[in-house]
């Protein structure tokens, strides 16, 4: 009898142990959550993250603390999340550079986004705008390419840094357009825009929110957006693809990630909450105003999107031959 009781007791304890992760997921969250944004405050991703985080505090019933942990093209903050306990209390607002580009481009990246992170939900897919100085003779993508071809190597383009989405967008434009151009890298979008405004470089793939005020003041001109689809915030602005460059699709996207092995119930709840927030008119309108295409995704759909972006940048890096600075 004692043996039977022991066996039953052990079986009961095993069942409790198996149920524990599910029970923890059902009770989550019971304390504040940390959301790491791996860049300095004020950027497009930071705006997206804080906008959604503010609403999540109410829907989850817990404080959600946004921490900007910048450095090494976003990989420092990302690594902190990868190493965190997979319990739903440390999240990442991941973006194009550290998720889709870094593993393909930078040596010794200490994580693999495909296996070390669990995609939760895409928040926004923001276009880059191909902008020129208002005094530039170019008014279309075709004119810009024709000008570069007429004087090979004379047209310069700015970037926010080597290996950024805007850099790859411009290199791809030059290569596929058959128009040699010269890269001028800067330490961030601000200095790049300053030199474009001063007429020191030919064009720049800028985040739309940063470029729009200068366009309204008549100092810059937008020629096209970098995404495959026209943006809701600028429906009259053509895409680079419409300008004759096939399969051209670059963006600054951002979304929520959790450490790998985070319970599926937590990931699914977070996904539902984020998607519900994205349906709020004030949130959607703000994201659209920031140049974002807002799309609701399931965790599986977001994971598929990320895989596609990683694969795309692998091909782009090979095609352009760009090397780390």
C-alpha atoms as a PDB file:
ATOM      1  CA  UNK A   1       0.000   0.000   0.000  1.00  0.00           C
ATOM      2  CA  UNK A   2       2.817   2.338   0.868  1.00  0.00           C
ATOM      3  CA  UNK A   3       4.344   1.685  -2.537  1.00  0.00           C
ATOM      4  CA  UNK A   4       1.063   2.512  -4.232  1.00  0.00           C
ATOM      5  CA  UNK A   5       0.712   5.746  -2.263  1.00  0.00           C
ATOM      6  CA  UNK A   6       4.289   6.687  -3.133  1.00  0.00           C
ATOM      7  CA  UNK A   7       3.719   6.035  -6.809  1.00  0.00           C
ATOM      8  CA  UNK A   8       0.463   8.008  -6.745  1.00  0.00           C
ATOM      9  CA  UNK A   9       2.174  10.850  -4.893  1.00  0.00           C
ATOM     10  CA  UNK A  10       5.005  10.965  -7.383  1.00  0.00           C
ATOM     11  CA  UNK A  11       2.545  10.939 -10.275  1.00  0.00           C
ATOM     12  CA  UNK A  12       0.629  13.793  -8.667  1.00  0.00           C
ATOM     13  CA  UNK A  13       3.785  15.821  -8.160  1.00  0.00           C
ATOM     14  CA  UNK A  14       4.788  15.215 -11.777  1.00  0.00           C
ATOM     15  CA  UNK A  15       1.387  16.402 -12.972  1.00  0.00           C
ATOM     16  CA  UNK A  16       1.687  19.531 -10.871  1.00  0.00           C
ATOM     17  CA  UNK A  17       5.125  20.181 -12.297  1.00  0.00           C
ATOM     18  CA  UNK A  18       3.804  19.828 -15.834  1.00  0.00           C
ATOM     19  CA  UNK A  19       0.933  22.160 -15.087  1.00  0.00           C
ATOM     20  CA  UNK A  20       3.087  24.812 -13.450  1.00  0.00           C
ATOM     21  CA  UNK A  21       4.174  26.664 -16.632  1.00  0.00           C
ATOM     22  CA  UNK A  22       0.565  26.839 -17.816  1.00  0.00           C
ATOM     23  CA  UNK A  23      -0.587  28.078 -14.446  1.00  0.00           C
ATOM     24  CA  UNK A  24       2.118  30.733 -14.420  1.00  0.00           C
ATOM     25  CA  UNK A  25       1.124  31.834 -17.906  1.00  0.00           C
ATOM     26  CA  UNK A  26      -2.527  32.123 -16.872  1.00  0.00           C
ATOM     27  CA  UNK A  27      -1.677  34.336 -13.910  1.00  0.00           C
ATOM     28  CA  UNK A  28       0.774  36.510 -15.891  1.00  0.00           C
ATOM     29  CA  UNK A  29       1.513  39.354 -15.323  1.00  0.00           C
ATOM     30  CA  UNK A  30       1.802  39.745 -11.568  1.00  0.00           C
ATOM     31  CA  UNK A  31       4.603  42.348 -11.544  1.00  0.00           C
ATOM     32  CA  UNK A  32       6.013  45.103 -13.797  1.00  0.00           C
ATOM     33  CA  UNK A  33       7.292  44.235 -17.275  1.00  0.00           C
ATOM     34  CA  UNK A  34      10.487  45.588 -18.822  1.00  0.00           C
ATOM     35  CA  UNK A  35      10.407  46.552 -22.518  1.00  0.00           C
ATOM     36  CA  UNK A  36      13.859  47.090 -23.986  1.00  0.00           C
ATOM     37  CA  UNK A  37      14.211  49.408 -26.977  1.00  0.00           C
ATOM     38  CA  UNK A  38      17.773  48.888 -28.263  1.00  0.00           C
ATOM     39  CA  UNK A  39      18.237  52.483 -29.485  1.00  0.00           C
ATOM     40  CA  UNK A  40      18.356  55.960 -28.004  1.00  0.00           C
ATOM     41  CA  UNK A  41      15.064  57.758 -27.274  1.00  0.00           C
ATOM     42  CA  UNK A  42      13.302  59.697 -29.997  1.00  0.00           C
ATOM     43  CA  UNK A  43      13.718  57.422 -33.009  1.00  0.00           C
ATOM     44  CA  UNK A  44      10.890  55.902 -35.023  1.00  0.00           C
ATOM     45  CA  UNK A  45      11.029  52.587 -33.160  1.00  0.00           C
ATOM     46  CA  UNK A  46      11.094  54.319 -29.795  1.00  0.00           C
ATOM     47  CA  UNK A  47       7.970  56.308 -30.732  1.00  0.00           C
ATOM     48  CA  UNK A  48       6.177  53.128 -31.839  1.00  0.00           C
ATOM     49  CA  UNK A  49       7.211  51.221 -28.701  1.00  0.00           C
ATOM     50  CA  UNK A  50       6.140  53.908 -26.237  1.00  0.00           C
ATOM     51  CA  UNK A  51       2.834  54.498 -27.973  1.00  0.00           C
ATOM     52  CA  UNK A  52       1.814  50.848 -27.600  1.00  0.00           C
ATOM     53  CA  UNK A  53       3.449  50.418 -24.176  1.00  0.00           C
ATOM     54  CA  UNK A  54       1.339  53.226 -22.749  1.00  0.00           C
ATOM     55  CA  UNK A  55      -1.844  51.338 -23.693  1.00  0.00           C
ATOM     56  CA  UNK A  56      -0.475  47.958 -22.547  1.00  0.00           C
ATOM     57  CA  UNK A  57      -0.085  49.302 -19.009  1.00  0.00           C
ATOM     58  CA  UNK A  58      -3.848  49.592 -18.826  1.00  0.00           C
ATOM     59  CA  UNK A  59      -4.833  46.388 -20.602  1.00  0.00           C
ATOM     60  CA  UNK A  60      -2.344  44.184 -18.706  1.00  0.00           C
ATOM     61  CA  UNK A  61      -2.913  45.842 -15.340  1.00  0.00           C
ATOM     62  CA  UNK A  62       0.822  46.187 -14.673  1.00  0.00           C
ATOM     63  CA  UNK A  63       3.411  48.873 -15.215  1.00  0.00           C
ATOM     64  CA  UNK A  64       5.421  48.428 -18.406  1.00  0.00           C
ATOM     65  CA  UNK A  65       8.803  50.118 -18.080  1.00  0.00           C
ATOM     66  CA  UNK A  66      10.474  51.177 -21.338  1.00  0.00           C
ATOM     67  CA  UNK A  67      14.264  51.068 -21.162  1.00  0.00           C
ATOM     68  CA  UNK A  68      16.442  52.425 -23.979  1.00  0.00           C
ATOM     69  CA  UNK A  69      19.566  50.287 -24.106  1.00  0.00           C
ATOM     70  CA  UNK A  70      21.462  51.428 -27.200  1.00  0.00           C
ATOM     71  CA  UNK A  71      24.713  50.381 -28.801  1.00  0.00           C
ATOM     72  CA  UNK A  72      26.241  48.224 -31.550  1.00  0.00           C
ATOM     73  CA  UNK A  73      23.413  48.687 -34.058  1.00  0.00           C
ATOM     74  CA  UNK A  74      20.814  47.490 -31.586  1.00  0.00           C
ATOM     75  CA  UNK A  75      22.554  44.222 -30.745  1.00  0.00           C
ATOM     76  CA  UNK A  76      23.405  45.097 -27.117  1.00  0.00           C
ATOM     77  CA  UNK A  77      19.798  45.564 -26.052  1.00  0.00           C
ATOM     78  CA  UNK A  78      18.698  42.578 -28.100  1.00  0.00           C
ATOM     79  CA  UNK A  79      21.281  40.347 -26.446  1.00  0.00           C
ATOM     80  CA  UNK A  80      19.975  41.405 -23.018  1.00  0.00           C
ATOM     81  CA  UNK A  81      16.522  40.118 -23.933  1.00  0.00           C
ATOM     82  CA  UNK A  82      17.895  36.903 -25.416  1.00  0.00           C
ATOM     83  CA  UNK A  83      19.637  36.202 -22.090  1.00  0.00           C
ATOM     84  CA  UNK A  84      16.601  37.074 -19.949  1.00  0.00           C
ATOM     85  CA  UNK A  85      14.340  34.497 -18.328  1.00  0.00           C
ATOM     86  CA  UNK A  86      11.573  33.416 -20.737  1.00  0.00           C
ATOM     87  CA  UNK A  87       8.793  34.372 -18.334  1.00  0.00           C
ATOM     88  CA  UNK A  88       7.140  37.327 -20.095  1.00  0.00           C
ATOM     89  CA  UNK A  89       8.701  39.984 -17.860  1.00  0.00           C
ATOM     90  CA  UNK A  90      11.432  41.071 -20.292  1.00  0.00           C
ATOM     91  CA  UNK A  91      10.397  42.003 -23.824  1.00  0.00           C
ATOM     92  CA  UNK A  92      12.115  43.546 -26.845  1.00  0.00           C
ATOM     93  CA  UNK A  93      10.883  46.094 -29.314  1.00  0.00           C
ATOM     94  CA  UNK A  94      12.929  44.744 -32.204  1.00  0.00           C
ATOM     95  CA  UNK A  95      13.545  46.543 -35.478  1.00  0.00           C
ATOM     96  CA  UNK A  96      15.000  45.942 -38.920  1.00  0.00           C
ATOM     97  CA  UNK A  97      18.741  46.435 -38.181  1.00  0.00           C
ATOM     98  CA  UNK A  98      19.230  44.156 -35.163  1.00  0.00           C
ATOM     99  CA  UNK A  99      16.753  41.504 -36.284  1.00  0.00           C
ATOM    100  CA  UNK A 100      16.986  41.283 -40.088  1.00  0.00           C
ATOM    101  CA  UNK A 101      20.401  42.764 -40.904  1.00  0.00           C
ATOM    102  CA  UNK A 102      22.834  42.141 -38.039  1.00  0.00           C
ATOM    103  CA  UNK A 103      23.062  38.350 -38.290  1.00  0.00           C
ATOM    104  CA  UNK A 104      23.844  38.591 -42.004  1.00  0.00           C
ATOM    105  CA  UNK A 105      26.137  41.603 -41.841  1.00  0.00           C
ATOM    106  CA  UNK A 106      28.027  41.997 -38.582  1.00  0.00           C
ATOM    107  CA  UNK A 107      30.716  39.564 -37.408  1.00  0.00           C
ATOM    108  CA  UNK A 108      30.245  37.702 -34.141  1.00  0.00           C
ATOM    109  CA  UNK A 109      26.630  38.686 -33.432  1.00  0.00           C
ATOM    110  CA  UNK A 110      25.944  36.763 -30.192  1.00  0.00           C
ATOM    111  CA  UNK A 111      22.399  35.648 -31.020  1.00  0.00           C
ATOM    112  CA  UNK A 112      20.274  34.183 -33.781  1.00  0.00           C
ATOM    113  CA  UNK A 113      16.873  35.891 -34.065  1.00  0.00           C
ATOM    114  CA  UNK A 114      15.436  32.751 -35.660  1.00  0.00           C
ATOM    115  CA  UNK A 115      16.080  30.602 -32.599  1.00  0.00           C
ATOM    116  CA  UNK A 116      16.722  32.966 -29.674  1.00  0.00           C
ATOM    117  CA  UNK A 117      13.612  35.161 -29.916  1.00  0.00           C
ATOM    118  CA  UNK A 118       9.874  34.536 -30.103  1.00  0.00           C
ATOM    119  CA  UNK A 119       8.098  36.993 -32.446  1.00  0.00           C
ATOM    120  CA  UNK A 120       4.954  38.365 -30.781  1.00  0.00           C
ATOM    121  CA  UNK A 121       3.386  41.051 -33.002  1.00  0.00           C
ATOM    122  CA  UNK A 122       4.346  43.499 -35.726  1.00  0.00           C
ATOM    123  CA  UNK A 123       3.438  47.091 -34.843  1.00  0.00           C
ATOM    124  CA  UNK A 124       4.417  49.180 -37.841  1.00  0.00           C
ATOM    125  CA  UNK A 125       6.207  48.987 -41.158  1.00  0.00           C
ATOM    126  CA  UNK A 126       7.500  52.499 -41.881  1.00  0.00           C
ATOM    127  CA  UNK A 127       8.621  53.582 -45.317  1.00  0.00           C
ATOM    128  CA  UNK A 128      11.798  55.427 -46.121  1.00  0.00           C
ATOM    129  CA  UNK A 129      11.392  58.429 -48.405  1.00  0.00           C
ATOM    130  CA  UNK A 130      13.834  59.113 -51.220  1.00  0.00           C
ATOM    131  CA  UNK A 131      14.418  62.833 -50.723  1.00  0.00           C
ATOM    132  CA  UNK A 132      16.496  65.402 -52.588  1.00  0.00           C
ATOM    133  CA  UNK A 133      17.242  69.053 -51.955  1.00  0.00           C
ATOM    134  CA  UNK A 134      14.527  71.348 -53.333  1.00  0.00           C
ATOM    135  CA  UNK A 135      17.115  72.843 -55.692  1.00  0.00           C
ATOM    136  CA  UNK A 136      17.884  69.432 -57.201  1.00  0.00           C
ATOM    137  CA  UNK A 137      16.998  68.984 -60.869  1.00  0.00           C
ATOM    138  CA  UNK A 138      15.526  65.545 -60.159  1.00  0.00           C
ATOM    139  CA  UNK A 139      11.773  65.145 -59.765  1.00  0.00           C
ATOM    140  CA  UNK A 140      11.379  61.405 -60.369  1.00  0.00           C
ATOM    141  CA  UNK A 141      13.345  58.226 -59.740  1.00  0.00           C
ATOM    142  CA  UNK A 142      13.836  57.853 -63.486  1.00  0.00           C
ATOM    143  CA  UNK A 143      15.378  61.328 -63.738  1.00  0.00           C
ATOM    144  CA  UNK A 144      17.702  60.651 -60.817  1.00  0.00           C
ATOM    145  CA  UNK A 145      18.939  57.394 -62.367  1.00  0.00           C
ATOM    146  CA  UNK A 146      19.360  59.019 -65.769  1.00  0.00           C
ATOM    147  CA  UNK A 147      21.412  61.818 -64.206  1.00  0.00           C
ATOM    148  CA  UNK A 148      23.641  59.337 -62.397  1.00  0.00           C
ATOM    149  CA  UNK A 149      24.174  57.356 -65.587  1.00  0.00           C
ATOM    150  CA  UNK A 150      25.045  60.472 -67.548  1.00  0.00           C
ATOM    151  CA  UNK A 151      27.864  61.298 -65.104  1.00  0.00           C
ATOM    152  CA  UNK A 152      28.961  58.013 -63.454  1.00  0.00           C
ATOM    153  CA  UNK A 153      30.191  58.489 -59.876  1.00  0.00           C
ATOM    154  CA  UNK A 154      29.112  62.123 -59.636  1.00  0.00           C
ATOM    155  CA  UNK A 155      25.881  61.541 -57.694  1.00  0.00           C
ATOM    156  CA  UNK A 156      26.336  61.107 -53.937  1.00  0.00           C
ATOM    157  CA  UNK A 157      23.903  59.694 -51.399  1.00  0.00           C
ATOM    158  CA  UNK A 158      23.829  60.012 -47.639  1.00  0.00           C
ATOM    159  CA  UNK A 159      23.071  57.269 -45.131  1.00  0.00           C
ATOM    160  CA  UNK A 160      22.532  57.177 -41.380  1.00  0.00           C
ATOM    161  CA  UNK A 161      25.435  54.741 -41.219  1.00  0.00           C
ATOM    162  CA  UNK A 162      26.982  51.817 -43.065  1.00  0.00           C
ATOM    163  CA  UNK A 163      24.681  48.793 -43.054  1.00  0.00           C
ATOM    164  CA  UNK A 164      21.469  50.675 -42.257  1.00  0.00           C
ATOM    165  CA  UNK A 165      18.287  50.014 -44.285  1.00  0.00           C
ATOM    166  CA  UNK A 166      18.676  53.363 -46.047  1.00  0.00           C
ATOM    167  CA  UNK A 167      22.239  52.497 -47.050  1.00  0.00           C
ATOM    168  CA  UNK A 168      21.158  49.178 -48.538  1.00  0.00           C
ATOM    169  CA  UNK A 169      18.209  50.851 -50.265  1.00  0.00           C
ATOM    170  CA  UNK A 170      20.496  53.346 -52.019  1.00  0.00           C
ATOM    171  CA  UNK A 171      23.095  50.721 -52.948  1.00  0.00           C
ATOM    172  CA  UNK A 172      20.336  48.555 -54.411  1.00  0.00           C
ATOM    173  CA  UNK A 173      18.939  51.501 -56.363  1.00  0.00           C
ATOM    174  CA  UNK A 174      22.389  52.208 -57.810  1.00  0.00           C
ATOM    175  CA  UNK A 175      23.107  48.592 -58.713  1.00  0.00           C
ATOM    176  CA  UNK A 176      19.727  47.699 -60.181  1.00  0.00           C
ATOM    177  CA  UNK A 177      19.464  51.032 -61.937  1.00  0.00           C
ATOM    178  CA  UNK A 178      22.895  50.549 -63.491  1.00  0.00           C
ATOM    179  CA  UNK A 179      23.944  53.950 -62.191  1.00  0.00           C
ATOM    180  CA  UNK A 180      27.226  54.201 -60.207  1.00  0.00           C
ATOM    181  CA  UNK A 181      26.787  56.419 -57.138  1.00  0.00           C
ATOM    182  CA  UNK A 182      28.978  57.386 -54.171  1.00  0.00           C
ATOM    183  CA  UNK A 183      28.060  56.559 -50.564  1.00  0.00           C
ATOM    184  CA  UNK A 184      28.572  59.228 -47.874  1.00  0.00           C
ATOM    185  CA  UNK A 185      27.900  57.670 -44.429  1.00  0.00           C
ATOM    186  CA  UNK A 186      26.921  59.757 -41.388  1.00  0.00           C
ATOM    187  CA  UNK A 187      26.497  59.033 -37.701  1.00  0.00           C
ATOM    188  CA  UNK A 188      22.739  59.109 -37.717  1.00  0.00           C
ATOM    189  CA  UNK A 189      19.899  60.509 -39.783  1.00  0.00           C
ATOM    190  CA  UNK A 190      20.151  64.024 -38.312  1.00  0.00           C
ATOM    191  CA  UNK A 191      23.595  64.885 -39.734  1.00  0.00           C
ATOM    192  CA  UNK A 192      22.652  63.245 -43.047  1.00  0.00           C
ATOM    193  CA  UNK A 193      19.575  65.446 -43.368  1.00  0.00           C
ATOM    194  CA  UNK A 194      21.579  68.530 -42.407  1.00  0.00           C
ATOM    195  CA  UNK A 195      24.023  67.973 -45.250  1.00  0.00           C
ATOM    196  CA  UNK A 196      21.200  67.204 -47.683  1.00  0.00           C
ATOM    197  CA  UNK A 197      19.550  70.500 -46.701  1.00  0.00           C
ATOM    198  CA  UNK A 198      22.883  72.206 -47.277  1.00  0.00           C
ATOM    199  CA  UNK A 199      23.193  70.726 -50.744  1.00  0.00           C
ATOM    200  CA  UNK A 200      26.292  68.706 -49.908  1.00  0.00           C
ATOM    201  CA  UNK A 201      24.883  65.307 -50.960  1.00  0.00           C
ATOM    202  CA  UNK A 202      22.568  64.285 -53.775  1.00  0.00           C
ATOM    203  CA  UNK A 203      19.866  62.279 -52.021  1.00  0.00           C
ATOM    204  CA  UNK A 204      18.974  60.383 -48.881  1.00  0.00           C
ATOM    205  CA  UNK A 205      16.568  57.590 -47.946  1.00  0.00           C
ATOM    206  CA  UNK A 206      15.139  59.264 -44.846  1.00  0.00           C
ATOM    207  CA  UNK A 207      12.556  58.200 -42.331  1.00  0.00           C
ATOM    208  CA  UNK A 208       9.376  59.981 -43.419  1.00  0.00           C
ATOM    209  CA  UNK A 209       8.643  61.759 -40.089  1.00  0.00           C
ATOM    210  CA  UNK A 210      12.068  63.438 -40.162  1.00  0.00           C
ATOM    211  CA  UNK A 211      11.751  64.525 -43.797  1.00  0.00           C
ATOM    212  CA  UNK A 212       8.135  65.741 -43.901  1.00  0.00           C
ATOM    213  CA  UNK A 213       8.656  69.079 -42.051  1.00  0.00           C
ATOM    214  CA  UNK A 214      11.438  70.058 -44.485  1.00  0.00           C
ATOM    215  CA  UNK A 215       9.261  69.078 -47.445  1.00  0.00           C
ATOM    216  CA  UNK A 216       6.434  71.251 -46.121  1.00  0.00           C
ATOM    217  CA  UNK A 217       8.845  74.162 -45.766  1.00  0.00           C
ATOM    218  CA  UNK A 218       9.897  73.751 -49.385  1.00  0.00           C
ATOM    219  CA  UNK A 219      13.481  72.785 -48.529  1.00  0.00           C
ATOM    220  CA  UNK A 220      13.343  69.132 -49.627  1.00  0.00           C
ATOM    221  CA  UNK A 221      11.481  67.186 -52.304  1.00  0.00           C
ATOM    222  CA  UNK A 222      10.225  63.603 -51.974  1.00  0.00           C
ATOM    223  CA  UNK A 223      10.589  61.480 -55.092  1.00  0.00           C
ATOM    224  CA  UNK A 224       9.351  58.088 -53.909  1.00  0.00           C
ATOM    225  CA  UNK A 225       8.866  55.713 -50.984  1.00  0.00           C
ATOM    226  CA  UNK A 226      10.996  52.633 -50.477  1.00  0.00           C
ATOM    227  CA  UNK A 227       8.239  50.124 -49.716  1.00  0.00           C
ATOM    228  CA  UNK A 228       6.503  47.818 -52.168  1.00  0.00           C
ATOM    229  CA  UNK A 229       3.173  49.561 -51.517  1.00  0.00           C
ATOM    230  CA  UNK A 230       2.326  53.243 -51.385  1.00  0.00           C
ATOM    231  CA  UNK A 231       1.968  54.561 -47.860  1.00  0.00           C
ATOM    232  CA  UNK A 232      -1.436  55.585 -46.431  1.00  0.00           C
ATOM    233  CA  UNK A 233       0.077  58.841 -45.178  1.00  0.00           C
ATOM    234  CA  UNK A 234       1.286  59.776 -48.684  1.00  0.00           C
ATOM    235  CA  UNK A 235      -0.948  57.983 -51.206  1.00  0.00           C
ATOM    236  CA  UNK A 236       0.133  60.223 -54.095  1.00  0.00           C
ATOM    237  CA  UNK A 237       3.837  59.485 -53.632  1.00  0.00           C
ATOM    238  CA  UNK A 238       4.962  56.651 -55.958  1.00  0.00           C
ATOM    239  CA  UNK A 239       7.099  53.727 -54.913  1.00  0.00           C
ATOM    240  CA  UNK A 240      10.642  53.154 -56.190  1.00  0.00           C
ATOM    241  CA  UNK A 241       9.267  50.030 -57.869  1.00  0.00           C
ATOM    242  CA  UNK A 242       6.898  52.229 -59.841  1.00  0.00           C
ATOM    243  CA  UNK A 243      10.007  54.169 -60.870  1.00  0.00           C
ATOM    244  CA  UNK A 244      11.290  51.076 -62.652  1.00  0.00           C
ATOM    245  CA  UNK A 245      13.351  49.240 -59.980  1.00  0.00           C
ATOM    246  CA  UNK A 246      11.881  45.753 -59.635  1.00  0.00           C
ATOM    247  CA  UNK A 247      11.432  44.018 -56.250  1.00  0.00           C
ATOM    248  CA  UNK A 248      12.491  47.105 -54.340  1.00  0.00           C
ATOM    249  CA  UNK A 249      11.149  46.968 -50.780  1.00  0.00           C
ATOM    250  CA  UNK A 250      12.915  48.511 -47.787  1.00  0.00           C
ATOM    251  CA  UNK A 251      11.420  49.715 -44.538  1.00  0.00           C
ATOM    252  CA  UNK A 252      12.024  50.460 -40.893  1.00  0.00           C
ATOM    253  CA  UNK A 253       9.693  48.044 -39.163  1.00  0.00           C
ATOM    254  CA  UNK A 254       9.283  47.291 -35.487  1.00  0.00           C
ATOM    255  CA  UNK A 255       7.482  44.802 -33.316  1.00  0.00           C
ATOM    256  CA  UNK A 256       7.381  42.979 -30.005  1.00  0.00           C
ATOM    257  CA  UNK A 257       9.588  39.976 -29.273  1.00  0.00           C
ATOM    258  CA  UNK A 258      10.053  37.765 -26.215  1.00  0.00           C
ATOM    259  CA  UNK A 259      12.909  35.425 -25.306  1.00  0.00           C
ATOM    260  CA  UNK A 260      12.652  32.021 -26.936  1.00  0.00           C
ATOM    261  CA  UNK A 261      10.791  29.448 -24.806  1.00  0.00           C
ATOM    262  CA  UNK A 262       8.416  32.060 -23.391  1.00  0.00           C
ATOM    263  CA  UNK A 263       5.136  30.163 -22.777  1.00  0.00           C
ATOM    264  CA  UNK A 264       2.855  30.225 -25.816  1.00  0.00           C
ATOM    265  CA  UNK A 265      -0.049  31.441 -23.671  1.00  0.00           C
ATOM    266  CA  UNK A 266       1.895  34.609 -22.769  1.00  0.00           C
ATOM    267  CA  UNK A 267       2.948  35.217 -26.376  1.00  0.00           C
ATOM    268  CA  UNK A 268      -0.631  34.746 -27.579  1.00  0.00           C
ATOM    269  CA  UNK A 269      -2.072  37.069 -24.942  1.00  0.00           C
ATOM    270  CA  UNK A 270       0.479  39.753 -25.759  1.00  0.00           C
ATOM    271  CA  UNK A 271      -0.344  39.358 -29.433  1.00  0.00           C
ATOM    272  CA  UNK A 272      -4.076  39.811 -28.767  1.00  0.00           C
ATOM    273  CA  UNK A 273      -3.473  42.876 -26.603  1.00  0.00           C
ATOM    274  CA  UNK A 274      -1.140  44.539 -29.121  1.00  0.00           C
ATOM    275  CA  UNK A 275      -3.503  43.889 -32.031  1.00  0.00           C
ATOM    276  CA  UNK A 276      -6.419  45.283 -30.045  1.00  0.00           C
ATOM    277  CA  UNK A 277      -4.391  48.436 -29.351  1.00  0.00           C
ATOM    278  CA  UNK A 278      -3.543  48.757 -33.054  1.00  0.00           C
ATOM    279  CA  UNK A 279      -7.293  48.888 -33.781  1.00  0.00           C
ATOM    280  CA  UNK A 280      -7.713  52.015 -31.659  1.00  0.00           C
ATOM    281  CA  UNK A 281      -8.219  54.954 -34.047  1.00  0.00           C
ATOM    282  CA  UNK A 282      -5.930  57.299 -32.092  1.00  0.00           C
ATOM    283  CA  UNK A 283      -3.098  54.758 -32.114  1.00  0.00           C
ATOM    284  CA  UNK A 284      -3.545  53.812 -35.761  1.00  0.00           C
ATOM    285  CA  UNK A 285      -3.762  57.462 -36.821  1.00  0.00           C
ATOM    286  CA  UNK A 286      -0.568  58.303 -34.936  1.00  0.00           C
ATOM    287  CA  UNK A 287       1.325  55.406 -36.500  1.00  0.00           C
ATOM    288  CA  UNK A 288       0.096  56.331 -39.980  1.00  0.00           C
ATOM    289  CA  UNK A 289       1.144  59.936 -39.345  1.00  0.00           C
ATOM    290  CA  UNK A 290       4.624  58.603 -38.535  1.00  0.00           C
ATOM    291  CA  UNK A 291       4.721  56.986 -41.983  1.00  0.00           C
ATOM    292  CA  UNK A 292       3.796  53.471 -40.890  1.00  0.00           C
ATOM    293  CA  UNK A 293       1.763  50.818 -42.632  1.00  0.00           C
ATOM    294  CA  UNK A 294      -0.122  49.162 -39.750  1.00  0.00           C
ATOM    295  CA  UNK A 295      -0.815  45.445 -40.150  1.00  0.00           C
ATOM    296  CA  UNK A 296      -2.151  43.036 -37.551  1.00  0.00           C
ATOM    297  CA  UNK A 297      -0.305  39.726 -37.396  1.00  0.00           C
ATOM    298  CA  UNK A 298      -0.484  36.476 -35.482  1.00  0.00           C
ATOM    299  CA  UNK A 299       2.776  35.302 -33.875  1.00  0.00           C
ATOM    300  CA  UNK A 300       3.152  32.803 -36.729  1.00  0.00           C
ATOM    301  CA  UNK A 301       2.589  35.485 -39.368  1.00  0.00           C
ATOM    302  CA  UNK A 302       5.084  37.811 -37.702  1.00  0.00           C
ATOM    303  CA  UNK A 303       7.631  34.977 -37.515  1.00  0.00           C
ATOM    304  CA  UNK A 304       7.163  34.350 -41.240  1.00  0.00           C
ATOM    305  CA  UNK A 305       7.587  38.075 -41.936  1.00  0.00           C
ATOM    306  CA  UNK A 306      10.846  38.117 -39.945  1.00  0.00           C
ATOM    307  CA  UNK A 307      12.184  35.056 -41.781  1.00  0.00           C
ATOM    308  CA  UNK A 308      11.445  36.791 -45.072  1.00  0.00           C
ATOM    309  CA  UNK A 309      13.264  39.951 -43.975  1.00  0.00           C
ATOM    310  CA  UNK A 310      16.331  38.022 -42.782  1.00  0.00           C
ATOM    311  CA  UNK A 311      16.442  36.126 -46.082  1.00  0.00           C
ATOM    312  CA  UNK A 312      15.954  39.328 -48.101  1.00  0.00           C
ATOM    313  CA  UNK A 313      18.823  41.147 -46.429  1.00  0.00           C
ATOM    314  CA  UNK A 314      21.050  38.115 -46.858  1.00  0.00           C
ATOM    315  CA  UNK A 315      20.471  38.393 -50.603  1.00  0.00           C
ATOM    316  CA  UNK A 316      20.858  42.198 -50.603  1.00  0.00           C
ATOM    317  CA  UNK A 317      24.174  42.053 -48.735  1.00  0.00           C
ATOM    318  CA  UNK A 318      25.484  39.531 -51.262  1.00  0.00           C
ATOM    319  CA  UNK A 319      24.132  41.526 -54.220  1.00  0.00           C
ATOM    320  CA  UNK A 320      25.517  44.901 -53.134  1.00  0.00           C
ATOM    321  CA  UNK A 321      28.799  43.630 -51.705  1.00  0.00           C
ATOM    322  CA  UNK A 322      28.562  46.089 -48.806  1.00  0.00           C
ATOM    323  CA  UNK A 323      31.009  45.362 -45.959  1.00  0.00           C
ATOM    324  CA  UNK A 324      30.950  46.590 -42.340  1.00  0.00           C
ATOM    325  CA  UNK A 325      32.785  49.869 -41.838  1.00  0.00           C
END
